[in-house]
Amino acid sequence: MQRLLDIVLSLLALLMLSPFLIPIVILLRLTGEGEVFFLQGRVGKGGKTFKLYKFATMLKNSPSIGTGTVTVKGDPRILPMGHFLRKSKVNELPQLLNILKGDMSIVGPRPQTQRCFDAFTLVSQKAIIQVRPGITGIGSIIFHDEENVLHGHVDSIRFYDEVIAPYKGTLEEWYAANQGLRTYLACIGVTAWVVLNPESNLAWRVFRSLPRPSSQLAELLHCPNARGENT
């Protein structure tokens, strides 16, 4: 059922969004480095690597510059149109092609580079590769503003590896254990909401059984319990 929904919804999205996507393709071609798409190897189902499609938002050799595959707020490697595309998540839309190819689902664990995948615990890694990665999912929703979460830390790579990655891994474990049609549809709805309302804590109210973050992350992730609120 989920695979059928993936195909139908991704085809409909491509058809409906084409008047919006074509101008973006033209603008990207005329600005920055003239690149339209960015292809990068990501870890998929079964641990197999596939090429992920994104709109180009950063310098072509950005993985070899600065913080590598970790992007921080105000990252100088981001191209002129990149800030809008990343903030609005429009840069993720070419992954609809990955869905049609069978590499991904609309909902699933965030597809990671090998370097970021290796930062997860072995338990998290085993859970993640059980399912297709997704354009959105629990990890993507909770960390929808990851660049701001990383902002202000002197060693952002270390903070990612030691604080963010372990918790993000437990979120993806939760998804692997709770996947199903309800979770699938709920993730799509909550994603649309948090894109429009980034300060919202709706995810915590919809997915009540999510593992809670550490005190270092709770406030940054708008976790209600961090401010003494009821979920």
C-alpha atoms as a PDB file:
ATOM      1  CA  MET A   1       0.000   0.000   0.000  1.00  0.00           C
ATOM      2  CA  GLN A   2       2.759   2.460   0.930  1.00  0.00           C
ATOM      3  CA  ARG A   3       4.670   1.781  -2.278  1.00  0.00           C
ATOM      4  CA  LEU A   4       1.501   2.353  -4.323  1.00  0.00           C
ATOM      5  CA  LEU A   5       0.851   5.627  -2.492  1.00  0.00           C
ATOM      6  CA  ASP A   6       4.467   6.652  -3.067  1.00  0.00           C
ATOM      7  CA  ILE A   7       4.114   6.218  -6.826  1.00  0.00           C
ATOM      8  CA  VAL A   8       0.696   7.876  -7.120  1.00  0.00           C
ATOM      9  CA  LEU A   9       1.519  10.835  -4.848  1.00  0.00           C
ATOM     10  CA  SER A  10       4.940  11.472  -6.378  1.00  0.00           C
ATOM     11  CA  LEU A  11       3.505  11.447  -9.920  1.00  0.00           C
ATOM     12  CA  LEU A  12       0.717  13.822  -8.877  1.00  0.00           C
ATOM     13  CA  ALA A  13       3.222  16.097  -7.119  1.00  0.00           C
ATOM     14  CA  LEU A  14       5.485  16.275 -10.166  1.00  0.00           C
ATOM     15  CA  LEU A  15       2.519  17.064 -12.406  1.00  0.00           C
ATOM     16  CA  MET A  16       1.060  19.741 -10.118  1.00  0.00           C
ATOM     17  CA  LEU A  17       4.419  21.330  -9.245  1.00  0.00           C
ATOM     18  CA  SER A  18       5.880  21.426 -12.746  1.00  0.00           C
ATOM     19  CA  PRO A  19       4.848  25.100 -13.355  1.00  0.00           C
ATOM     20  CA  PHE A  20       6.749  25.965 -10.162  1.00  0.00           C
ATOM     21  CA  LEU A  21       9.749  23.691 -10.696  1.00  0.00           C
ATOM     22  CA  ILE A  22      10.554  24.742 -14.260  1.00  0.00           C
ATOM     23  CA  PRO A  23      11.305  28.405 -13.305  1.00  0.00           C
ATOM     24  CA  ILE A  24      13.526  27.140 -10.469  1.00  0.00           C
ATOM     25  CA  VAL A  25      15.487  25.022 -12.942  1.00  0.00           C
ATOM     26  CA  ILE A  26      15.965  28.069 -15.180  1.00  0.00           C
ATOM     27  CA  LEU A  27      17.021  30.337 -12.278  1.00  0.00           C
ATOM     28  CA  LEU A  28      19.516  27.785 -10.992  1.00  0.00           C
ATOM     29  CA  ARG A  29      20.972  27.456 -14.469  1.00  0.00           C
ATOM     30  CA  LEU A  30      21.474  31.231 -14.642  1.00  0.00           C
ATOM     31  CA  THR A  31      22.830  31.782 -11.111  1.00  0.00           C
ATOM     32  CA  GLY A  32      25.491  30.396  -8.801  1.00  0.00           C
ATOM     33  CA  GLU A  33      27.661  27.828 -10.567  1.00  0.00           C
ATOM     34  CA  GLY A  34      25.031  27.067 -13.202  1.00  0.00           C
ATOM     35  CA  GLU A  35      24.274  23.645 -11.738  1.00  0.00           C
ATOM     36  CA  VAL A  36      20.623  22.546 -11.484  1.00  0.00           C
ATOM     37  CA  PHE A  37      20.898  19.262  -9.627  1.00  0.00           C
ATOM     38  CA  PHE A  38      23.190  17.964  -6.923  1.00  0.00           C
ATOM     39  CA  LEU A  39      23.711  14.203  -6.848  1.00  0.00           C
ATOM     40  CA  GLN A  40      25.232  12.566  -3.817  1.00  0.00           C
ATOM     41  CA  GLY A  41      25.663   9.002  -2.619  1.00  0.00           C
ATOM     42  CA  ARG A  42      23.351   8.096   0.280  1.00  0.00           C
ATOM     43  CA  VAL A  43      22.789   4.926   2.289  1.00  0.00           C
ATOM     44  CA  GLY A  44      19.508   3.240   1.369  1.00  0.00           C
ATOM     45  CA  LYS A  45      17.495   0.167   2.225  1.00  0.00           C
ATOM     46  CA  GLY A  46      19.632  -2.861   2.897  1.00  0.00           C
ATOM     47  CA  GLY A  47      22.684  -0.617   3.262  1.00  0.00           C
ATOM     48  CA  LYS A  48      22.936  -0.142  -0.503  1.00  0.00           C
ATOM     49  CA  THR A  49      24.193   3.215  -1.766  1.00  0.00           C
ATOM     50  CA  PHE A  50      22.121   5.220  -4.261  1.00  0.00           C
ATOM     51  CA  LYS A  51      22.386   8.646  -5.894  1.00  0.00           C
ATOM     52  CA  LEU A  52      20.143  11.206  -4.188  1.00  0.00           C
ATOM     53  CA  TYR A  53      18.730  14.068  -6.296  1.00  0.00           C
ATOM     54  CA  LYS A  54      18.481  17.610  -4.906  1.00  0.00           C
ATOM     55  CA  PHE A  55      18.345  21.073  -6.362  1.00  0.00           C
ATOM     56  CA  ALA A  56      21.843  22.561  -6.161  1.00  0.00           C
ATOM     57  CA  THR A  57      22.003  24.869  -3.129  1.00  0.00           C
ATOM     58  CA  MET A  58      25.714  24.733  -2.283  1.00  0.00           C
ATOM     59  CA  LEU A  59      29.082  24.884  -4.010  1.00  0.00           C
ATOM     60  CA  LYS A  60      29.844  21.743  -5.995  1.00  0.00           C
ATOM     61  CA  ASN A  61      32.848  20.815  -3.859  1.00  0.00           C
ATOM     62  CA  SER A  62      31.192  21.757  -0.546  1.00  0.00           C
ATOM     63  CA  PRO A  63      31.631  18.234   0.963  1.00  0.00           C
ATOM     64  CA  SER A  64      35.399  18.891   0.840  1.00  0.00           C
ATOM     65  CA  ILE A  65      35.169  22.393   2.355  1.00  0.00           C
ATOM     66  CA  GLY A  66      34.585  23.597   5.916  1.00  0.00           C
ATOM     67  CA  THR A  67      32.251  21.326   7.899  1.00  0.00           C
ATOM     68  CA  GLY A  68      31.931  18.783   5.077  1.00  0.00           C
ATOM     69  CA  THR A  69      28.525  17.069   4.955  1.00  0.00           C
ATOM     70  CA  VAL A  70      27.304  18.947   8.047  1.00  0.00           C
ATOM     71  CA  THR A  71      25.631  22.277   7.156  1.00  0.00           C
ATOM     72  CA  VAL A  72      25.463  25.109   9.704  1.00  0.00           C
ATOM     73  CA  LYS A  73      23.479  28.356   9.883  1.00  0.00           C
ATOM     74  CA  GLY A  74      24.929  31.038   7.617  1.00  0.00           C
ATOM     75  CA  ASP A  75      27.129  28.463   5.884  1.00  0.00           C
ATOM     76  CA  PRO A  76      29.246  30.394   3.333  1.00  0.00           C
ATOM     77  CA  ARG A  77      29.065  27.485   0.906  1.00  0.00           C
ATOM     78  CA  ILE A  78      25.340  28.097   0.253  1.00  0.00           C
ATOM     79  CA  LEU A  79      24.566  29.609  -3.169  1.00  0.00           C
ATOM     80  CA  PRO A  80      22.383  32.743  -3.764  1.00  0.00           C
ATOM     81  CA  MET A  81      19.123  30.798  -4.199  1.00  0.00           C
ATOM     82  CA  GLY A  82      20.178  28.146  -1.733  1.00  0.00           C
ATOM     83  CA  HIS A  83      18.844  29.818   1.423  1.00  0.00           C
ATOM     84  CA  PHE A  84      15.282  29.973   0.103  1.00  0.00           C
ATOM     85  CA  LEU A  85      15.372  26.472  -1.366  1.00  0.00           C
ATOM     86  CA  ARG A  86      16.708  24.967   1.856  1.00  0.00           C
ATOM     87  CA  LYS A  87      14.432  26.913   4.217  1.00  0.00           C
ATOM     88  CA  SER A  88      11.312  26.036   2.220  1.00  0.00           C
ATOM     89  CA  LYS A  89      12.511  22.434   1.652  1.00  0.00           C
ATOM     90  CA  VAL A  90      11.970  22.952  -2.096  1.00  0.00           C
ATOM     91  CA  ASN A  91      15.495  21.643  -2.647  1.00  0.00           C
ATOM     92  CA  GLU A  92      14.205  18.199  -1.629  1.00  0.00           C
ATOM     93  CA  LEU A  93      11.553  17.965  -4.372  1.00  0.00           C
ATOM     94  CA  PRO A  94      13.787  16.313  -7.014  1.00  0.00           C
ATOM     95  CA  GLN A  95      13.796  13.299  -4.698  1.00  0.00           C
ATOM     96  CA  LEU A  96      10.366  12.550  -6.138  1.00  0.00           C
ATOM     97  CA  LEU A  97      12.424  11.014  -8.955  1.00  0.00           C
ATOM     98  CA  ASN A  98      14.205   8.799  -6.414  1.00  0.00           C
ATOM     99  CA  ILE A  99      10.782   7.652  -5.213  1.00  0.00           C
ATOM    100  CA  LEU A 100       9.690   6.662  -8.714  1.00  0.00           C
ATOM    101  CA  LYS A 101      12.958   4.753  -9.158  1.00  0.00           C
ATOM    102  CA  GLY A 102      12.306   2.838  -5.927  1.00  0.00           C
ATOM    103  CA  ASP A 103      15.291   4.242  -4.016  1.00  0.00           C
ATOM    104  CA  MET A 104      13.115   6.116  -1.555  1.00  0.00           C
ATOM    105  CA  SER A 105       9.649   6.542  -0.076  1.00  0.00           C
ATOM    106  CA  ILE A 106       7.811   9.769   0.679  1.00  0.00           C
ATOM    107  CA  VAL A 107       8.158   8.882   4.375  1.00  0.00           C
ATOM    108  CA  GLY A 108      11.106   7.136   5.977  1.00  0.00           C
ATOM    109  CA  PRO A 109      14.430   7.700   7.724  1.00  0.00           C
ATOM    110  CA  ARG A 110      16.420  10.607   6.315  1.00  0.00           C
ATOM    111  CA  PRO A 111      18.880   9.198   3.726  1.00  0.00           C
ATOM    112  CA  GLN A 112      22.351   9.814   5.152  1.00  0.00           C
ATOM    113  CA  THR A 113      25.781  10.182   3.640  1.00  0.00           C
ATOM    114  CA  GLN A 114      28.085   7.340   4.636  1.00  0.00           C
ATOM    115  CA  ARG A 115      29.936   9.669   6.999  1.00  0.00           C
ATOM    116  CA  CYS A 116      26.750  10.696   8.866  1.00  0.00           C
ATOM    117  CA  PHE A 117      25.366   7.145   8.781  1.00  0.00           C
ATOM    118  CA  ASP A 118      28.527   5.916  10.476  1.00  0.00           C
ATOM    119  CA  ALA A 119      27.910   8.416  13.310  1.00  0.00           C
ATOM    120  CA  PHE A 120      24.808   6.420  14.338  1.00  0.00           C
ATOM    121  CA  THR A 121      25.024   3.542  16.796  1.00  0.00           C
ATOM    122  CA  LEU A 122      25.028   0.039  15.320  1.00  0.00           C
ATOM    123  CA  VAL A 123      21.521  -0.512  16.713  1.00  0.00           C
ATOM    124  CA  SER A 124      20.249   2.572  14.884  1.00  0.00           C
ATOM    125  CA  GLN A 125      22.046   1.602  11.679  1.00  0.00           C
ATOM    126  CA  LYS A 126      20.408  -1.829  11.642  1.00  0.00           C
ATOM    127  CA  ALA A 127      16.952  -0.298  12.153  1.00  0.00           C
ATOM    128  CA  ILE A 128      17.434   2.399   9.506  1.00  0.00           C
ATOM    129  CA  ILE A 129      18.396   0.063   6.659  1.00  0.00           C
ATOM    130  CA  GLN A 130      15.292  -2.068   7.232  1.00  0.00           C
ATOM    131  CA  VAL A 131      13.133   0.470   5.393  1.00  0.00           C
ATOM    132  CA  ARG A 132      13.363   2.793   2.411  1.00  0.00           C
ATOM    133  CA  PRO A 133      14.633   6.272   3.311  1.00  0.00           C
ATOM    134  CA  GLY A 134      12.176   9.120   2.847  1.00  0.00           C
ATOM    135  CA  ILE A 135      11.880  12.732   1.708  1.00  0.00           C
ATOM    136  CA  THR A 136      10.344  13.334   5.109  1.00  0.00           C
ATOM    137  CA  GLY A 137      10.032  11.319   8.289  1.00  0.00           C
ATOM    138  CA  ILE A 138      10.317  11.586  12.054  1.00  0.00           C
ATOM    139  CA  GLY A 139      13.989  12.543  11.977  1.00  0.00           C
ATOM    140  CA  SER A 140      13.403  15.140   9.253  1.00  0.00           C
ATOM    141  CA  ILE A 141      10.413  16.639  11.091  1.00  0.00           C
ATOM    142  CA  ILE A 142      12.057  16.939  14.505  1.00  0.00           C
ATOM    143  CA  PHE A 143      15.306  18.236  12.980  1.00  0.00           C
ATOM    144  CA  HIS A 144      13.653  20.388  10.291  1.00  0.00           C
ATOM    145  CA  ASP A 145      15.758  23.324  11.495  1.00  0.00           C
ATOM    146  CA  GLU A 146      18.997  21.445  12.061  1.00  0.00           C
ATOM    147  CA  GLU A 147      21.187  24.303  10.860  1.00  0.00           C
ATOM    148  CA  ASN A 148      19.900  26.487  13.711  1.00  0.00           C
ATOM    149  CA  VAL A 149      20.319  23.631  16.186  1.00  0.00           C
ATOM    150  CA  LEU A 150      23.993  23.463  15.212  1.00  0.00           C
ATOM    151  CA  HIS A 151      24.407  27.241  15.285  1.00  0.00           C
ATOM    152  CA  GLY A 152      26.612  28.633  18.051  1.00  0.00           C
ATOM    153  CA  HIS A 153      28.612  25.490  18.741  1.00  0.00           C
ATOM    154  CA  VAL A 154      32.350  25.973  18.340  1.00  0.00           C
ATOM    155  CA  ASP A 155      32.846  22.406  17.126  1.00  0.00           C
ATOM    156  CA  SER A 156      29.649  21.739  15.186  1.00  0.00           C
ATOM    157  CA  ILE A 157      30.872  18.404  13.808  1.00  0.00           C
ATOM    158  CA  ARG A 158      31.583  17.085  17.293  1.00  0.00           C
ATOM    159  CA  PHE A 159      28.200  18.333  18.546  1.00  0.00           C
ATOM    160  CA  TYR A 160      26.520  16.565  15.634  1.00  0.00           C
ATOM    161  CA  ASP A 161      28.346  13.282  16.247  1.00  0.00           C
ATOM    162  CA  GLU A 162      28.030  13.233  20.038  1.00  0.00           C
ATOM    163  CA  VAL A 163      24.633  14.853  20.648  1.00  0.00           C
ATOM    164  CA  ILE A 164      22.497  15.046  17.502  1.00  0.00           C
ATOM    165  CA  ALA A 165      23.335  11.745  15.796  1.00  0.00           C
ATOM    166  CA  PRO A 166      22.608   9.474  18.802  1.00  0.00           C
ATOM    167  CA  TYR A 167      19.195  11.058  19.343  1.00  0.00           C
ATOM    168  CA  LYS A 168      18.363  11.214  15.641  1.00  0.00           C
ATOM    169  CA  GLY A 169      19.198   7.524  15.492  1.00  0.00           C
ATOM    170  CA  THR A 170      16.662   6.713  18.237  1.00  0.00           C
ATOM    171  CA  LEU A 171      14.014   8.652  16.310  1.00  0.00           C
ATOM    172  CA  GLU A 172      14.667   6.559  13.213  1.00  0.00           C
ATOM    173  CA  GLU A 173      14.520   3.406  15.341  1.00  0.00           C
ATOM    174  CA  TRP A 174      11.097   4.584  16.523  1.00  0.00           C
ATOM    175  CA  TYR A 175       9.960   5.002  12.930  1.00  0.00           C
ATOM    176  CA  ALA A 176      11.180   1.542  11.900  1.00  0.00           C
ATOM    177  CA  ALA A 177       9.209   0.055  14.803  1.00  0.00           C
ATOM    178  CA  ASN A 178       6.060   2.143  14.219  1.00  0.00           C
ATOM    179  CA  GLN A 179       5.853   2.394  10.443  1.00  0.00           C
ATOM    180  CA  GLY A 180       2.436   1.913   8.897  1.00  0.00           C
ATOM    181  CA  LEU A 181      -0.266   3.789   7.019  1.00  0.00           C
ATOM    182  CA  ARG A 182      -1.236   5.972  10.001  1.00  0.00           C
ATOM    183  CA  THR A 183       2.362   7.023  10.650  1.00  0.00           C
ATOM    184  CA  TYR A 184       2.907   7.563   6.923  1.00  0.00           C
ATOM    185  CA  LEU A 185      -0.070   9.903   6.526  1.00  0.00           C
ATOM    186  CA  ALA A 186       0.584  11.664   9.839  1.00  0.00           C
ATOM    187  CA  CYS A 187       4.189  12.406   8.839  1.00  0.00           C
ATOM    188  CA  ILE A 188       3.061  13.966   5.552  1.00  0.00           C
ATOM    189  CA  GLY A 189       0.529  16.178   7.352  1.00  0.00           C
ATOM    190  CA  VAL A 190       2.899  17.247  10.139  1.00  0.00           C
ATOM    191  CA  THR A 191       5.648  17.998   7.606  1.00  0.00           C
ATOM    192  CA  ALA A 192       3.384  20.413   5.734  1.00  0.00           C
ATOM    193  CA  TRP A 193       2.463  22.081   9.022  1.00  0.00           C
ATOM    194  CA  VAL A 194       6.003  22.584  10.342  1.00  0.00           C
ATOM    195  CA  VAL A 195       7.218  23.977   7.015  1.00  0.00           C
ATOM    196  CA  LEU A 196       4.607  26.725   7.426  1.00  0.00           C
ATOM    197  CA  ASN A 197       4.956  26.923  11.231  1.00  0.00           C
ATOM    198  CA  PRO A 198       8.576  26.069  12.090  1.00  0.00           C
ATOM    199  CA  GLU A 199       8.189  26.940  15.790  1.00  0.00           C
ATOM    200  CA  SER A 200       5.282  24.511  16.212  1.00  0.00           C
ATOM    201  CA  ASN A 201       5.507  21.552  18.593  1.00  0.00           C
ATOM    202  CA  LEU A 202       2.731  19.659  16.764  1.00  0.00           C
ATOM    203  CA  ALA A 203       4.969  16.645  16.137  1.00  0.00           C
ATOM    204  CA  TRP A 204       5.267  15.994  19.867  1.00  0.00           C
ATOM    205  CA  ARG A 205       1.479  16.061  20.244  1.00  0.00           C
ATOM    206  CA  VAL A 206       0.786  13.822  17.241  1.00  0.00           C
ATOM    207  CA  PHE A 207       3.552  11.288  17.950  1.00  0.00           C
ATOM    208  CA  ARG A 208       3.217  11.045  21.716  1.00  0.00           C
ATOM    209  CA  SER A 209       5.431   7.992  22.127  1.00  0.00           C
ATOM    210  CA  LEU A 210       8.524   9.572  20.572  1.00  0.00           C
ATOM    211  CA  PRO A 211      11.706   9.172  22.628  1.00  0.00           C
ATOM    212  CA  ARG A 212      12.471  12.454  24.400  1.00  0.00           C
ATOM    213  CA  PRO A 213      15.667  14.409  23.650  1.00  0.00           C
ATOM    214  CA  SER A 214      18.424  15.228  26.114  1.00  0.00           C
ATOM    215  CA  SER A 215      18.355  18.523  27.999  1.00  0.00           C
ATOM    216  CA  GLN A 216      20.917  19.857  25.494  1.00  0.00           C
ATOM    217  CA  LEU A 217      18.448  19.414  22.645  1.00  0.00           C
ATOM    218  CA  ALA A 218      14.994  19.685  24.204  1.00  0.00           C
ATOM    219  CA  GLU A 219      14.596  23.451  24.063  1.00  0.00           C
ATOM    220  CA  LEU A 220      16.154  23.687  20.606  1.00  0.00           C
ATOM    221  CA  LEU A 221      13.716  21.092  19.264  1.00  0.00           C
ATOM    222  CA  HIS A 222      10.622  22.748  20.791  1.00  0.00           C
ATOM    223  CA  CYS A 223       9.940  19.714  22.956  1.00  0.00           C
ATOM    224  CA  PRO A 224       7.003  20.763  25.235  1.00  0.00           C
ATOM    225  CA  ASN A 225       8.375  18.983  28.302  1.00  0.00           C
ATOM    226  CA  ALA A 226      11.446  21.198  28.144  1.00  0.00           C
ATOM    227  CA  ARG A 227       9.289  24.206  29.004  1.00  0.00           C
ATOM    228  CA  GLY A 228       7.034  22.529  31.507  1.00  0.00           C
ATOM    229  CA  GLU A 229       4.152  22.207  29.048  1.00  0.00           C
ATOM    230  CA  ASN A 230       1.797  19.305  28.723  1.00  0.00           C
ATOM    231  CA  THR A 231       1.986  17.155  25.619  1.00  0.00           C
END
